[in-house]
């Protein structure tokens, strides 16, 4: 199997695992909602730990995909977590998948298909140098600071900042993965250690920013997070890692159209969490809100019906 196909396969399995873990954690969180010592009850649940294991496995698969595929290919496939989570959550909630959800799913898949045709490339062999990684981190931190400056209302600005943080974290993760597996150098070089610390900082920052963003509602912020993530990662891939789209100008146009179609599909999927039948609304919104490990995802504890990553 070629490197791009392996990256796609790993991304698909990763998205399915993320979705299954999200739905499982949402249902467990809803089951103990309103009870005392909620976190202790979750920690004592074998099903909860199984969902944590699924989430960890999904994260490892995502890292492996970044080893074999370019950022412009792997990152957009993260939207498939939403595609899988919405119908799965509806099924387990005992309701039909709505027409709006099917539309969102179909448009997302069509858009991603166009991106796959243009974004395929060889396994990544270039990485960010330490100065490049530090510069990217500094610029991203400055942008995040502007978007989430004190006094701004939580919402789309924080969601954009969360998506940028998570996208940069994935780009830096690819550098760590490729550099650490390069047998020509030491396993724990200064580059690997420093960039790994930056990955941890941006991953945690993205999670906290998403939690702030969703205080004002789920639908629009979730869509912004899901879309800002691959934009940030792809920008780094194209500008600094030499990644290119196939097909010249036509390929670029196809990629832009595909991205727009997939973006609209993601927006429809995020809206579906607010338009689902009232009896099923907690599960639908919780499913989307509790995609742990995915960029911009909020913790599972926020998925109880009383609240709206």
C-alpha atoms as a PDB file:
ATOM      1  CA  UNK A   1       0.000   0.000   0.000  1.00  0.00           C
ATOM      2  CA  UNK A   2       1.356   3.427  -0.964  1.00  0.00           C
ATOM      3  CA  UNK A   3       2.047   6.020   1.718  1.00  0.00           C
ATOM      4  CA  UNK A   4      -0.919   8.304   0.823  1.00  0.00           C
ATOM      5  CA  UNK A   5      -3.363   5.374   0.833  1.00  0.00           C
ATOM      6  CA  UNK A   6      -1.981   4.218   4.169  1.00  0.00           C
ATOM      7  CA  UNK A   7      -2.420   7.737   5.564  1.00  0.00           C
ATOM      8  CA  UNK A   8      -6.041   7.825   4.371  1.00  0.00           C
ATOM      9  CA  UNK A   9      -6.741   4.379   5.825  1.00  0.00           C
ATOM     10  CA  UNK A  10      -5.243   5.342   9.186  1.00  0.00           C
ATOM     11  CA  UNK A  11      -7.209   8.613   9.183  1.00  0.00           C
ATOM     12  CA  UNK A  12     -10.472   6.801   8.462  1.00  0.00           C
ATOM     13  CA  UNK A  13      -9.965   4.327  11.307  1.00  0.00           C
ATOM     14  CA  UNK A  14      -8.880   7.182  13.580  1.00  0.00           C
ATOM     15  CA  UNK A  15     -12.031   9.178  12.788  1.00  0.00           C
ATOM     16  CA  UNK A  16     -14.225   6.136  13.434  1.00  0.00           C
ATOM     17  CA  UNK A  17     -12.508   5.512  16.772  1.00  0.00           C
ATOM     18  CA  UNK A  18     -12.839   9.173  17.773  1.00  0.00           C
ATOM     19  CA  UNK A  19     -16.543   9.094  16.907  1.00  0.00           C
ATOM     20  CA  UNK A  20     -17.203   5.868  18.837  1.00  0.00           C
ATOM     21  CA  UNK A  21     -15.332   7.201  21.864  1.00  0.00           C
ATOM     22  CA  UNK A  22     -17.238  10.491  21.689  1.00  0.00           C
ATOM     23  CA  UNK A  23     -20.632   8.815  21.609  1.00  0.00           C
ATOM     24  CA  UNK A  24     -19.702   6.439  24.430  1.00  0.00           C
ATOM     25  CA  UNK A  25     -18.407   9.252  26.642  1.00  0.00           C
ATOM     26  CA  UNK A  26     -21.439  11.413  25.915  1.00  0.00           C
ATOM     27  CA  UNK A  27     -23.852   8.660  26.919  1.00  0.00           C
ATOM     28  CA  UNK A  28     -21.916   7.883  30.075  1.00  0.00           C
ATOM     29  CA  UNK A  29     -21.745  11.568  31.007  1.00  0.00           C
ATOM     30  CA  UNK A  30     -25.485  11.987  30.424  1.00  0.00           C
ATOM     31  CA  UNK A  31     -26.196   8.896  32.535  1.00  0.00           C
ATOM     32  CA  UNK A  32     -24.550  10.399  35.592  1.00  0.00           C
ATOM     33  CA  UNK A  33     -25.713  13.968  34.971  1.00  0.00           C
ATOM     34  CA  UNK A  34     -27.125  15.643  38.060  1.00  0.00           C
ATOM     35  CA  UNK A  35     -25.642  13.077  40.435  1.00  0.00           C
ATOM     36  CA  UNK A  36     -23.082  13.788  43.100  1.00  0.00           C
ATOM     37  CA  UNK A  37     -19.471  12.782  42.606  1.00  0.00           C
ATOM     38  CA  UNK A  38     -19.993  12.537  38.862  1.00  0.00           C
ATOM     39  CA  UNK A  39     -16.309  12.275  37.994  1.00  0.00           C
ATOM     40  CA  UNK A  40     -15.757   9.562  40.602  1.00  0.00           C
ATOM     41  CA  UNK A  41     -18.572   7.524  39.093  1.00  0.00           C
ATOM     42  CA  UNK A  42     -17.055   7.885  35.637  1.00  0.00           C
ATOM     43  CA  UNK A  43     -13.619   6.854  36.897  1.00  0.00           C
ATOM     44  CA  UNK A  44     -15.149   3.734  38.420  1.00  0.00           C
ATOM     45  CA  UNK A  45     -16.824   2.768  35.135  1.00  0.00           C
ATOM     46  CA  UNK A  46     -15.135   0.190  32.952  1.00  0.00           C
ATOM     47  CA  UNK A  47     -17.065   1.503  29.940  1.00  0.00           C
ATOM     48  CA  UNK A  48     -15.631   4.973  30.515  1.00  0.00           C
ATOM     49  CA  UNK A  49     -12.080   3.641  30.581  1.00  0.00           C
ATOM     50  CA  UNK A  50     -12.824   1.672  27.418  1.00  0.00           C
ATOM     51  CA  UNK A  51     -13.856   4.911  25.721  1.00  0.00           C
ATOM     52  CA  UNK A  52     -10.658   6.555  26.954  1.00  0.00           C
ATOM     53  CA  UNK A  53      -8.698   3.685  25.421  1.00  0.00           C
ATOM     54  CA  UNK A  54     -10.548   4.197  22.123  1.00  0.00           C
ATOM     55  CA  UNK A  55      -9.696   7.868  22.239  1.00  0.00           C
ATOM     56  CA  UNK A  56      -6.011   7.156  22.892  1.00  0.00           C
ATOM     57  CA  UNK A  57      -5.933   4.634  20.045  1.00  0.00           C
ATOM     58  CA  UNK A  58      -7.517   7.200  17.725  1.00  0.00           C
ATOM     59  CA  UNK A  59      -4.874   9.753  18.685  1.00  0.00           C
ATOM     60  CA  UNK A  60      -2.072   7.291  17.966  1.00  0.00           C
ATOM     61  CA  UNK A  61      -3.615   6.450  14.591  1.00  0.00           C
ATOM     62  CA  UNK A  62      -3.780  10.161  13.771  1.00  0.00           C
ATOM     63  CA  UNK A  63      -0.090  10.552  14.633  1.00  0.00           C
ATOM     64  CA  UNK A  64       0.728   7.551  12.442  1.00  0.00           C
ATOM     65  CA  UNK A  65      -1.273   9.067   9.567  1.00  0.00           C
ATOM     66  CA  UNK A  66       0.791  12.247   9.884  1.00  0.00           C
ATOM     67  CA  UNK A  67       3.894  10.099   9.453  1.00  0.00           C
ATOM     68  CA  UNK A  68       2.715   8.734   6.090  1.00  0.00           C
ATOM     69  CA  UNK A  69       0.655  11.571   4.631  1.00  0.00           C
ATOM     70  CA  UNK A  70       1.023  15.327   4.103  1.00  0.00           C
ATOM     71  CA  UNK A  71      -0.873  17.783   6.286  1.00  0.00           C
ATOM     72  CA  UNK A  72      -2.981  18.866   3.313  1.00  0.00           C
ATOM     73  CA  UNK A  73      -4.279  15.290   3.093  1.00  0.00           C
ATOM     74  CA  UNK A  74      -4.572  14.156   6.711  1.00  0.00           C
ATOM     75  CA  UNK A  75      -5.999  17.208   8.469  1.00  0.00           C
ATOM     76  CA  UNK A  76      -9.206  17.673   6.419  1.00  0.00           C
ATOM     77  CA  UNK A  77     -10.096  14.039   7.105  1.00  0.00           C
ATOM     78  CA  UNK A  78     -10.642  14.995  10.747  1.00  0.00           C
ATOM     79  CA  UNK A  79     -14.081  16.240   9.674  1.00  0.00           C
ATOM     80  CA  UNK A  80     -15.058  12.587   9.190  1.00  0.00           C
ATOM     81  CA  UNK A  81     -15.329  12.305  12.966  1.00  0.00           C
ATOM     82  CA  UNK A  82     -18.401  14.539  12.784  1.00  0.00           C
ATOM     83  CA  UNK A  83     -19.730  12.560   9.832  1.00  0.00           C
ATOM     84  CA  UNK A  84     -19.499   9.330  11.825  1.00  0.00           C
ATOM     85  CA  UNK A  85     -20.525  10.710  15.220  1.00  0.00           C
ATOM     86  CA  UNK A  86     -23.801  12.339  14.180  1.00  0.00           C
ATOM     87  CA  UNK A  87     -25.493   9.241  12.661  1.00  0.00           C
ATOM     88  CA  UNK A  88     -24.032   6.970  15.337  1.00  0.00           C
ATOM     89  CA  UNK A  89     -25.283   9.226  18.124  1.00  0.00           C
ATOM     90  CA  UNK A  90     -28.724   9.425  16.521  1.00  0.00           C
ATOM     91  CA  UNK A  91     -28.870   5.653  16.164  1.00  0.00           C
ATOM     92  CA  UNK A  92     -27.969   5.015  19.784  1.00  0.00           C
ATOM     93  CA  UNK A  93     -30.396   7.731  20.908  1.00  0.00           C
ATOM     94  CA  UNK A  94     -33.213   5.817  19.214  1.00  0.00           C
ATOM     95  CA  UNK A  95     -34.090   8.434  16.609  1.00  0.00           C
ATOM     96  CA  UNK A  96     -33.837   8.707  12.866  1.00  0.00           C
ATOM     97  CA  UNK A  97     -31.025  10.604  11.208  1.00  0.00           C
ATOM     98  CA  UNK A  98     -32.581  13.858  10.032  1.00  0.00           C
ATOM     99  CA  UNK A  99     -32.627  15.056   6.441  1.00  0.00           C
ATOM    100  CA  UNK A 100     -30.361  17.941   7.442  1.00  0.00           C
ATOM    101  CA  UNK A 101     -27.819  15.488   8.901  1.00  0.00           C
ATOM    102  CA  UNK A 102     -27.825  13.386   5.742  1.00  0.00           C
ATOM    103  CA  UNK A 103     -27.318  16.526   3.650  1.00  0.00           C
ATOM    104  CA  UNK A 104     -24.427  17.610   5.823  1.00  0.00           C
ATOM    105  CA  UNK A 105     -22.878  14.157   5.671  1.00  0.00           C
ATOM    106  CA  UNK A 106     -23.185  13.931   1.900  1.00  0.00           C
ATOM    107  CA  UNK A 107     -21.756  17.388   1.240  1.00  0.00           C
ATOM    108  CA  UNK A 108     -18.856  16.784   3.629  1.00  0.00           C
ATOM    109  CA  UNK A 109     -17.979  13.511   1.921  1.00  0.00           C
ATOM    110  CA  UNK A 110     -18.200  15.046  -1.568  1.00  0.00           C
ATOM    111  CA  UNK A 111     -15.985  17.951  -0.548  1.00  0.00           C
ATOM    112  CA  UNK A 112     -13.433  15.707   1.106  1.00  0.00           C
ATOM    113  CA  UNK A 113     -13.405  13.505  -1.985  1.00  0.00           C
ATOM    114  CA  UNK A 114     -12.387  16.489  -4.110  1.00  0.00           C
ATOM    115  CA  UNK A 115      -9.651  17.339  -1.614  1.00  0.00           C
ATOM    116  CA  UNK A 116      -8.342  13.767  -1.660  1.00  0.00           C
ATOM    117  CA  UNK A 117      -7.966  13.862  -5.439  1.00  0.00           C
ATOM    118  CA  UNK A 118      -5.747  16.933  -5.280  1.00  0.00           C
ATOM    119  CA  UNK A 119      -3.950  16.598  -1.933  1.00  0.00           C
ATOM    120  CA  UNK A 120      -2.398  13.164  -2.327  1.00  0.00           C
ATOM    121  CA  UNK A 121       1.373  13.222  -2.078  1.00  0.00           C
ATOM    122  CA  UNK A 122       4.381  11.216  -0.947  1.00  0.00           C
ATOM    123  CA  UNK A 123       5.150  10.398   2.656  1.00  0.00           C
ATOM    124  CA  UNK A 124       6.461  13.529   4.381  1.00  0.00           C
ATOM    125  CA  UNK A 125      10.231  13.669   4.684  1.00  0.00           C
ATOM    126  CA  UNK A 126      10.660  17.371   5.394  1.00  0.00           C
ATOM    127  CA  UNK A 127      10.205  18.777   8.884  1.00  0.00           C
ATOM    128  CA  UNK A 128      10.193  22.177  10.495  1.00  0.00           C
ATOM    129  CA  UNK A 129      13.607  23.231  11.711  1.00  0.00           C
ATOM    130  CA  UNK A 130      13.815  24.335  15.324  1.00  0.00           C
ATOM    131  CA  UNK A 131      13.877  28.058  14.384  1.00  0.00           C
ATOM    132  CA  UNK A 132      10.892  27.533  12.046  1.00  0.00           C
ATOM    133  CA  UNK A 133       8.943  25.682  14.742  1.00  0.00           C
ATOM    134  CA  UNK A 134       9.637  28.374  17.320  1.00  0.00           C
ATOM    135  CA  UNK A 135       8.674  31.102  14.824  1.00  0.00           C
ATOM    136  CA  UNK A 136       5.423  29.338  13.932  1.00  0.00           C
ATOM    137  CA  UNK A 137       4.660  28.911  17.628  1.00  0.00           C
ATOM    138  CA  UNK A 138       5.378  32.573  18.380  1.00  0.00           C
ATOM    139  CA  UNK A 139       3.259  33.875  15.492  1.00  0.00           C
ATOM    140  CA  UNK A 140       0.395  31.525  16.360  1.00  0.00           C
ATOM    141  CA  UNK A 141       0.558  32.518  20.026  1.00  0.00           C
ATOM    142  CA  UNK A 142       0.356  36.197  19.007  1.00  0.00           C
ATOM    143  CA  UNK A 143      -2.661  35.552  16.766  1.00  0.00           C
ATOM    144  CA  UNK A 144      -4.358  33.536  19.506  1.00  0.00           C
ATOM    145  CA  UNK A 145      -3.663  36.336  21.959  1.00  0.00           C
ATOM    146  CA  UNK A 146      -5.367  38.856  19.662  1.00  0.00           C
ATOM    147  CA  UNK A 147      -8.373  36.612  19.066  1.00  0.00           C
ATOM    148  CA  UNK A 148      -8.888  35.737  22.728  1.00  0.00           C
ATOM    149  CA  UNK A 149      -7.826  38.984  24.352  1.00  0.00           C
ATOM    150  CA  UNK A 150      -9.537  39.829  27.664  1.00  0.00           C
ATOM    151  CA  UNK A 151     -12.899  41.458  27.325  1.00  0.00           C
ATOM    152  CA  UNK A 152     -13.969  39.666  24.153  1.00  0.00           C
ATOM    153  CA  UNK A 153     -17.141  37.634  24.316  1.00  0.00           C
ATOM    154  CA  UNK A 154     -16.662  33.870  24.004  1.00  0.00           C
ATOM    155  CA  UNK A 155     -17.674  32.592  20.619  1.00  0.00           C
ATOM    156  CA  UNK A 156     -16.314  32.622  17.099  1.00  0.00           C
ATOM    157  CA  UNK A 157     -13.046  34.404  17.961  1.00  0.00           C
ATOM    158  CA  UNK A 158     -12.191  31.824  20.595  1.00  0.00           C
ATOM    159  CA  UNK A 159     -13.299  29.043  18.243  1.00  0.00           C
ATOM    160  CA  UNK A 160     -10.971  30.362  15.532  1.00  0.00           C
ATOM    161  CA  UNK A 161      -8.124  30.564  18.043  1.00  0.00           C
ATOM    162  CA  UNK A 162      -8.843  26.997  19.153  1.00  0.00           C
ATOM    163  CA  UNK A 163      -8.790  25.714  15.570  1.00  0.00           C
ATOM    164  CA  UNK A 164      -5.509  27.483  14.848  1.00  0.00           C
ATOM    165  CA  UNK A 165      -3.931  26.115  18.045  1.00  0.00           C
ATOM    166  CA  UNK A 166      -4.991  22.551  17.265  1.00  0.00           C
ATOM    167  CA  UNK A 167      -3.952  22.772  13.614  1.00  0.00           C
ATOM    168  CA  UNK A 168      -0.497  24.037  14.566  1.00  0.00           C
ATOM    169  CA  UNK A 169      -0.263  21.272  17.179  1.00  0.00           C
ATOM    170  CA  UNK A 170      -0.864  18.691  14.437  1.00  0.00           C
ATOM    171  CA  UNK A 171       1.719  20.300  12.159  1.00  0.00           C
ATOM    172  CA  UNK A 172       4.266  20.242  14.966  1.00  0.00           C
ATOM    173  CA  UNK A 173       3.282  16.638  15.758  1.00  0.00           C
ATOM    174  CA  UNK A 174       4.216  15.652  12.231  1.00  0.00           C
ATOM    175  CA  UNK A 175       7.644  17.237  12.726  1.00  0.00           C
ATOM    176  CA  UNK A 176       8.127  15.303  15.972  1.00  0.00           C
ATOM    177  CA  UNK A 177       6.980  12.022  14.395  1.00  0.00           C
ATOM    178  CA  UNK A 178       9.152  12.287  11.275  1.00  0.00           C
ATOM    179  CA  UNK A 179      12.206  13.600  13.153  1.00  0.00           C
ATOM    180  CA  UNK A 180      11.955  10.998  15.935  1.00  0.00           C
ATOM    181  CA  UNK A 181      11.766   8.125  13.430  1.00  0.00           C
ATOM    182  CA  UNK A 182      14.638   9.424  11.314  1.00  0.00           C
ATOM    183  CA  UNK A 183      17.430   6.973  11.994  1.00  0.00           C
ATOM    184  CA  UNK A 184      20.091   9.403  10.815  1.00  0.00           C
ATOM    185  CA  UNK A 185      19.866  11.425  14.036  1.00  0.00           C
ATOM    186  CA  UNK A 186      19.366  10.903  17.768  1.00  0.00           C
ATOM    187  CA  UNK A 187      15.891   9.900  18.953  1.00  0.00           C
ATOM    188  CA  UNK A 188      15.602  12.676  21.544  1.00  0.00           C
ATOM    189  CA  UNK A 189      17.319  15.598  19.886  1.00  0.00           C
ATOM    190  CA  UNK A 190      16.790  19.163  21.070  1.00  0.00           C
ATOM    191  CA  UNK A 191      14.474  19.664  18.110  1.00  0.00           C
ATOM    192  CA  UNK A 192      12.235  16.734  19.090  1.00  0.00           C
ATOM    193  CA  UNK A 193      12.066  17.698  22.773  1.00  0.00           C
ATOM    194  CA  UNK A 194      11.319  21.397  22.208  1.00  0.00           C
ATOM    195  CA  UNK A 195       8.753  20.765  19.486  1.00  0.00           C
ATOM    196  CA  UNK A 196       7.081  18.069  21.615  1.00  0.00           C
ATOM    197  CA  UNK A 197       6.686  20.602  24.427  1.00  0.00           C
ATOM    198  CA  UNK A 198       5.158  23.065  21.961  1.00  0.00           C
ATOM    199  CA  UNK A 199       2.741  20.358  20.791  1.00  0.00           C
ATOM    200  CA  UNK A 200       1.568  19.798  24.375  1.00  0.00           C
ATOM    201  CA  UNK A 201       1.148  23.536  24.969  1.00  0.00           C
ATOM    202  CA  UNK A 202      -0.920  24.138  21.827  1.00  0.00           C
ATOM    203  CA  UNK A 203      -3.013  20.990  22.299  1.00  0.00           C
ATOM    204  CA  UNK A 204      -3.984  22.020  25.826  1.00  0.00           C
ATOM    205  CA  UNK A 205      -4.496  25.619  24.728  1.00  0.00           C
ATOM    206  CA  UNK A 206      -6.800  24.520  21.908  1.00  0.00           C
ATOM    207  CA  UNK A 207      -8.881  22.454  24.321  1.00  0.00           C
ATOM    208  CA  UNK A 208      -9.269  25.312  26.814  1.00  0.00           C
ATOM    209  CA  UNK A 209     -10.111  27.801  24.076  1.00  0.00           C
ATOM    210  CA  UNK A 210     -12.796  25.520  22.672  1.00  0.00           C
ATOM    211  CA  UNK A 211     -14.327  25.115  26.106  1.00  0.00           C
ATOM    212  CA  UNK A 212     -14.587  28.908  26.305  1.00  0.00           C
ATOM    213  CA  UNK A 213     -15.960  29.194  22.773  1.00  0.00           C
ATOM    214  CA  UNK A 214     -18.843  26.790  23.406  1.00  0.00           C
ATOM    215  CA  UNK A 215     -20.224  28.813  26.310  1.00  0.00           C
ATOM    216  CA  UNK A 216     -22.139  30.868  23.781  1.00  0.00           C
ATOM    217  CA  UNK A 217     -23.585  27.855  21.955  1.00  0.00           C
ATOM    218  CA  UNK A 218     -22.344  24.850  20.014  1.00  0.00           C
ATOM    219  CA  UNK A 219     -23.230  24.990  16.321  1.00  0.00           C
ATOM    220  CA  UNK A 220     -21.302  27.903  14.801  1.00  0.00           C
ATOM    221  CA  UNK A 221     -18.233  27.663  17.089  1.00  0.00           C
ATOM    222  CA  UNK A 222     -17.937  23.931  16.403  1.00  0.00           C
ATOM    223  CA  UNK A 223     -18.022  24.531  12.658  1.00  0.00           C
ATOM    224  CA  UNK A 224     -15.381  27.260  12.938  1.00  0.00           C
ATOM    225  CA  UNK A 225     -13.078  25.031  15.021  1.00  0.00           C
ATOM    226  CA  UNK A 226     -13.443  22.144  12.588  1.00  0.00           C
ATOM    227  CA  UNK A 227     -12.636  24.358   9.611  1.00  0.00           C
ATOM    228  CA  UNK A 228      -9.868  26.523  11.111  1.00  0.00           C
ATOM    229  CA  UNK A 229      -7.859  23.453  12.105  1.00  0.00           C
ATOM    230  CA  UNK A 230      -7.026  22.114   8.608  1.00  0.00           C
ATOM    231  CA  UNK A 231      -6.590  25.660   7.270  1.00  0.00           C
ATOM    232  CA  UNK A 232      -3.810  26.359   9.781  1.00  0.00           C
ATOM    233  CA  UNK A 233      -2.137  22.984   9.265  1.00  0.00           C
ATOM    234  CA  UNK A 234      -2.346  23.171   5.460  1.00  0.00           C
ATOM    235  CA  UNK A 235      -0.920  26.699   5.459  1.00  0.00           C
ATOM    236  CA  UNK A 236       2.153  25.436   7.316  1.00  0.00           C
ATOM    237  CA  UNK A 237       2.447  22.443   5.009  1.00  0.00           C
ATOM    238  CA  UNK A 238       2.326  24.542   1.846  1.00  0.00           C
ATOM    239  CA  UNK A 239       4.415  27.477   3.088  1.00  0.00           C
ATOM    240  CA  UNK A 240       7.152  25.661   5.013  1.00  0.00           C
ATOM    241  CA  UNK A 241       7.123  21.954   4.168  1.00  0.00           C
ATOM    242  CA  UNK A 242       6.939  22.107   0.386  1.00  0.00           C
ATOM    243  CA  UNK A 243       3.565  20.368   0.115  1.00  0.00           C
ATOM    244  CA  UNK A 244       1.745  20.955  -3.140  1.00  0.00           C
ATOM    245  CA  UNK A 245      -1.636  20.193  -4.665  1.00  0.00           C
ATOM    246  CA  UNK A 246      -1.799  18.048  -7.790  1.00  0.00           C
ATOM    247  CA  UNK A 247      -3.191  19.322 -11.071  1.00  0.00           C
ATOM    248  CA  UNK A 248      -1.749  22.811 -11.152  1.00  0.00           C
ATOM    249  CA  UNK A 249      -4.263  25.675 -11.257  1.00  0.00           C
ATOM    250  CA  UNK A 250      -7.106  23.249 -11.927  1.00  0.00           C
ATOM    251  CA  UNK A 251      -6.151  21.222  -8.880  1.00  0.00           C
ATOM    252  CA  UNK A 252      -6.109  24.339  -6.727  1.00  0.00           C
ATOM    253  CA  UNK A 253      -9.581  25.310  -7.974  1.00  0.00           C
ATOM    254  CA  UNK A 254     -10.891  21.794  -7.308  1.00  0.00           C
ATOM    255  CA  UNK A 255      -9.396  21.859  -3.811  1.00  0.00           C
ATOM    256  CA  UNK A 256     -10.964  25.248  -3.051  1.00  0.00           C
ATOM    257  CA  UNK A 257     -14.382  24.110  -4.283  1.00  0.00           C
ATOM    258  CA  UNK A 258     -14.058  20.867  -2.330  1.00  0.00           C
ATOM    259  CA  UNK A 259     -13.079  22.763   0.808  1.00  0.00           C
ATOM    260  CA  UNK A 260     -16.083  25.080   0.455  1.00  0.00           C
ATOM    261  CA  UNK A 261     -18.478  22.170  -0.087  1.00  0.00           C
ATOM    262  CA  UNK A 262     -17.039  20.251   2.873  1.00  0.00           C
ATOM    263  CA  UNK A 263     -17.181  23.399   4.990  1.00  0.00           C
ATOM    264  CA  UNK A 264     -20.863  23.860   4.257  1.00  0.00           C
ATOM    265  CA  UNK A 265     -21.469  20.213   5.097  1.00  0.00           C
ATOM    266  CA  UNK A 266     -19.720  20.635   8.445  1.00  0.00           C
ATOM    267  CA  UNK A 267     -21.828  23.729   9.187  1.00  0.00           C
ATOM    268  CA  UNK A 268     -25.001  21.729   8.471  1.00  0.00           C
ATOM    269  CA  UNK A 269     -23.825  18.933  10.750  1.00  0.00           C
ATOM    270  CA  UNK A 270     -23.129  21.367  13.563  1.00  0.00           C
ATOM    271  CA  UNK A 271     -26.541  22.989  13.078  1.00  0.00           C
ATOM    272  CA  UNK A 272     -28.201  19.590  13.315  1.00  0.00           C
ATOM    273  CA  UNK A 273     -27.262  19.431  16.999  1.00  0.00           C
ATOM    274  CA  UNK A 274     -29.637  22.338  17.644  1.00  0.00           C
ATOM    275  CA  UNK A 275     -32.430  21.213  15.320  1.00  0.00           C
ATOM    276  CA  UNK A 276     -32.678  17.586  16.466  1.00  0.00           C
ATOM    277  CA  UNK A 277     -35.928  16.491  18.135  1.00  0.00           C
ATOM    278  CA  UNK A 278     -36.165  17.676  21.708  1.00  0.00           C
ATOM    279  CA  UNK A 279     -36.079  14.188  23.175  1.00  0.00           C
ATOM    280  CA  UNK A 280     -32.860  13.397  21.390  1.00  0.00           C
ATOM    281  CA  UNK A 281     -31.236  16.819  21.545  1.00  0.00           C
ATOM    282  CA  UNK A 282     -28.910  16.058  24.487  1.00  0.00           C
ATOM    283  CA  UNK A 283     -27.393  13.087  22.702  1.00  0.00           C
ATOM    284  CA  UNK A 284     -27.069  14.843  19.363  1.00  0.00           C
ATOM    285  CA  UNK A 285     -25.421  17.937  20.761  1.00  0.00           C
ATOM    286  CA  UNK A 286     -23.367  15.928  23.189  1.00  0.00           C
ATOM    287  CA  UNK A 287     -22.059  13.718  20.447  1.00  0.00           C
ATOM    288  CA  UNK A 288     -20.712  16.683  18.564  1.00  0.00           C
ATOM    289  CA  UNK A 289     -19.508  18.397  21.694  1.00  0.00           C
ATOM    290  CA  UNK A 290     -17.627  15.458  23.131  1.00  0.00           C
ATOM    291  CA  UNK A 291     -15.132  14.555  20.460  1.00  0.00           C
ATOM    292  CA  UNK A 292     -12.201  14.063  22.797  1.00  0.00           C
ATOM    293  CA  UNK A 293      -8.786  14.329  21.313  1.00  0.00           C
ATOM    294  CA  UNK A 294     -10.078  16.032  18.201  1.00  0.00           C
ATOM    295  CA  UNK A 295      -8.948  19.552  17.684  1.00  0.00           C
ATOM    296  CA  UNK A 296     -11.188  21.986  19.482  1.00  0.00           C
ATOM    297  CA  UNK A 297     -13.131  19.305  21.324  1.00  0.00           C
ATOM    298  CA  UNK A 298     -14.606  20.038  24.690  1.00  0.00           C
ATOM    299  CA  UNK A 299     -14.282  17.618  27.605  1.00  0.00           C
ATOM    300  CA  UNK A 300     -16.871  14.892  27.947  1.00  0.00           C
ATOM    301  CA  UNK A 301     -18.159  16.419  31.161  1.00  0.00           C
ATOM    302  CA  UNK A 302     -19.647  19.313  29.136  1.00  0.00           C
ATOM    303  CA  UNK A 303     -21.957  17.022  27.231  1.00  0.00           C
ATOM    304  CA  UNK A 304     -24.696  16.746  29.841  1.00  0.00           C
ATOM    305  CA  UNK A 305     -28.100  18.107  28.783  1.00  0.00           C
ATOM    306  CA  UNK A 306     -27.712  21.215  30.960  1.00  0.00           C
ATOM    307  CA  UNK A 307     -25.147  22.582  28.559  1.00  0.00           C
ATOM    308  CA  UNK A 308     -24.830  22.926  24.936  1.00  0.00           C
ATOM    309  CA  UNK A 309     -15.591  21.006  21.891  1.00  0.00           C
END
